[in-house]
């Protein structure tokens, strides 16, 4: 299982808002290496983990 994170850092447009160029980023993070923690100012704010659960 993977977490895919994408974003747009900035774009260059013309007066009519046509996108001339853009630079973005994309990360693919494997979940099999353990939980992922999102931090802000050195403090954890979100944690993602994968667990298998047996349903009855």
C-alpha atoms as a PDB file:
ATOM      1  CA  UNK A   1       0.000   0.000   0.000  1.00  0.00           C
ATOM      2  CA  UNK A   2       1.259   3.474  -0.879  1.00  0.00           C
ATOM      3  CA  UNK A   3       0.385   7.060   0.003  1.00  0.00           C
ATOM      4  CA  UNK A   4       0.636   9.396  -3.009  1.00  0.00           C
ATOM      5  CA  UNK A   5       1.139  13.070  -2.264  1.00  0.00           C
ATOM      6  CA  UNK A   6       1.022  15.682  -5.033  1.00  0.00           C
ATOM      7  CA  UNK A   7       1.189  19.435  -5.075  1.00  0.00           C
ATOM      8  CA  UNK A   8       1.752  22.505  -7.183  1.00  0.00           C
ATOM      9  CA  UNK A   9       4.382  24.900  -5.943  1.00  0.00           C
ATOM     10  CA  UNK A  10       3.787  27.656  -8.502  1.00  0.00           C
ATOM     11  CA  UNK A  11       2.628  28.286 -12.035  1.00  0.00           C
ATOM     12  CA  UNK A  12       3.315  30.869 -14.717  1.00  0.00           C
ATOM     13  CA  UNK A  13       0.269  32.236 -16.561  1.00  0.00           C
ATOM     14  CA  UNK A  14      -0.533  34.760 -19.266  1.00  0.00           C
ATOM     15  CA  UNK A  15      -3.096  37.555 -18.877  1.00  0.00           C
ATOM     16  CA  UNK A  16      -5.875  35.201 -19.992  1.00  0.00           C
ATOM     17  CA  UNK A  17      -4.896  32.689 -17.242  1.00  0.00           C
ATOM     18  CA  UNK A  18      -3.424  30.206 -19.751  1.00  0.00           C
ATOM     19  CA  UNK A  19      -0.821  28.139 -17.888  1.00  0.00           C
ATOM     20  CA  UNK A  20       2.518  28.606 -19.630  1.00  0.00           C
ATOM     21  CA  UNK A  21       4.634  26.538 -17.218  1.00  0.00           C
ATOM     22  CA  UNK A  22       4.333  24.951 -13.800  1.00  0.00           C
ATOM     23  CA  UNK A  23       6.611  23.222 -11.351  1.00  0.00           C
ATOM     24  CA  UNK A  24       5.127  20.720  -8.954  1.00  0.00           C
ATOM     25  CA  UNK A  25       6.032  17.709  -6.875  1.00  0.00           C
ATOM     26  CA  UNK A  26       4.838  14.157  -6.328  1.00  0.00           C
ATOM     27  CA  UNK A  27       5.862  11.709  -3.620  1.00  0.00           C
ATOM     28  CA  UNK A  28       4.996   8.024  -3.430  1.00  0.00           C
ATOM     29  CA  UNK A  29       5.465   6.761   0.129  1.00  0.00           C
ATOM     30  CA  UNK A  30       5.492   3.044   0.909  1.00  0.00           C
ATOM     31  CA  UNK A  31       3.406   2.113   3.950  1.00  0.00           C
ATOM     32  CA  UNK A  32       5.260  -1.162   4.599  1.00  0.00           C
ATOM     33  CA  UNK A  33       8.103   0.662   6.409  1.00  0.00           C
ATOM     34  CA  UNK A  34       5.838   1.757   9.276  1.00  0.00           C
ATOM     35  CA  UNK A  35       3.539   4.656  10.198  1.00  0.00           C
ATOM     36  CA  UNK A  36       3.805   8.119   8.632  1.00  0.00           C
ATOM     37  CA  UNK A  37       3.639  11.144  10.929  1.00  0.00           C
ATOM     38  CA  UNK A  38       2.947  14.667   9.638  1.00  0.00           C
ATOM     39  CA  UNK A  39       4.589  17.298  11.807  1.00  0.00           C
ATOM     40  CA  UNK A  40       4.161  21.054  12.149  1.00  0.00           C
ATOM     41  CA  UNK A  41       6.664  23.126  14.131  1.00  0.00           C
ATOM     42  CA  UNK A  42       8.211  19.924  15.473  1.00  0.00           C
ATOM     43  CA  UNK A  43       4.876  18.606  16.828  1.00  0.00           C
ATOM     44  CA  UNK A  44       2.968  15.640  15.355  1.00  0.00           C
ATOM     45  CA  UNK A  45      -0.446  16.645  13.971  1.00  0.00           C
ATOM     46  CA  UNK A  46      -1.478  13.577  11.890  1.00  0.00           C
ATOM     47  CA  UNK A  47      -0.429   9.918  11.866  1.00  0.00           C
ATOM     48  CA  UNK A  48      -1.247   7.340   9.191  1.00  0.00           C
ATOM     49  CA  UNK A  49      -0.753   3.608   9.673  1.00  0.00           C
ATOM     50  CA  UNK A  50      -1.932   0.461   7.928  1.00  0.00           C
ATOM     51  CA  UNK A  51      -3.479  -2.341   9.964  1.00  0.00           C
ATOM     52  CA  UNK A  52      -5.103  -5.542   8.828  1.00  0.00           C
ATOM     53  CA  UNK A  53      -8.385  -6.168  10.632  1.00  0.00           C
ATOM     54  CA  UNK A  54     -10.420  -9.373  10.540  1.00  0.00           C
ATOM     55  CA  UNK A  55     -14.105  -8.659   9.926  1.00  0.00           C
ATOM     56  CA  UNK A  56     -16.683 -11.063  11.273  1.00  0.00           C
END
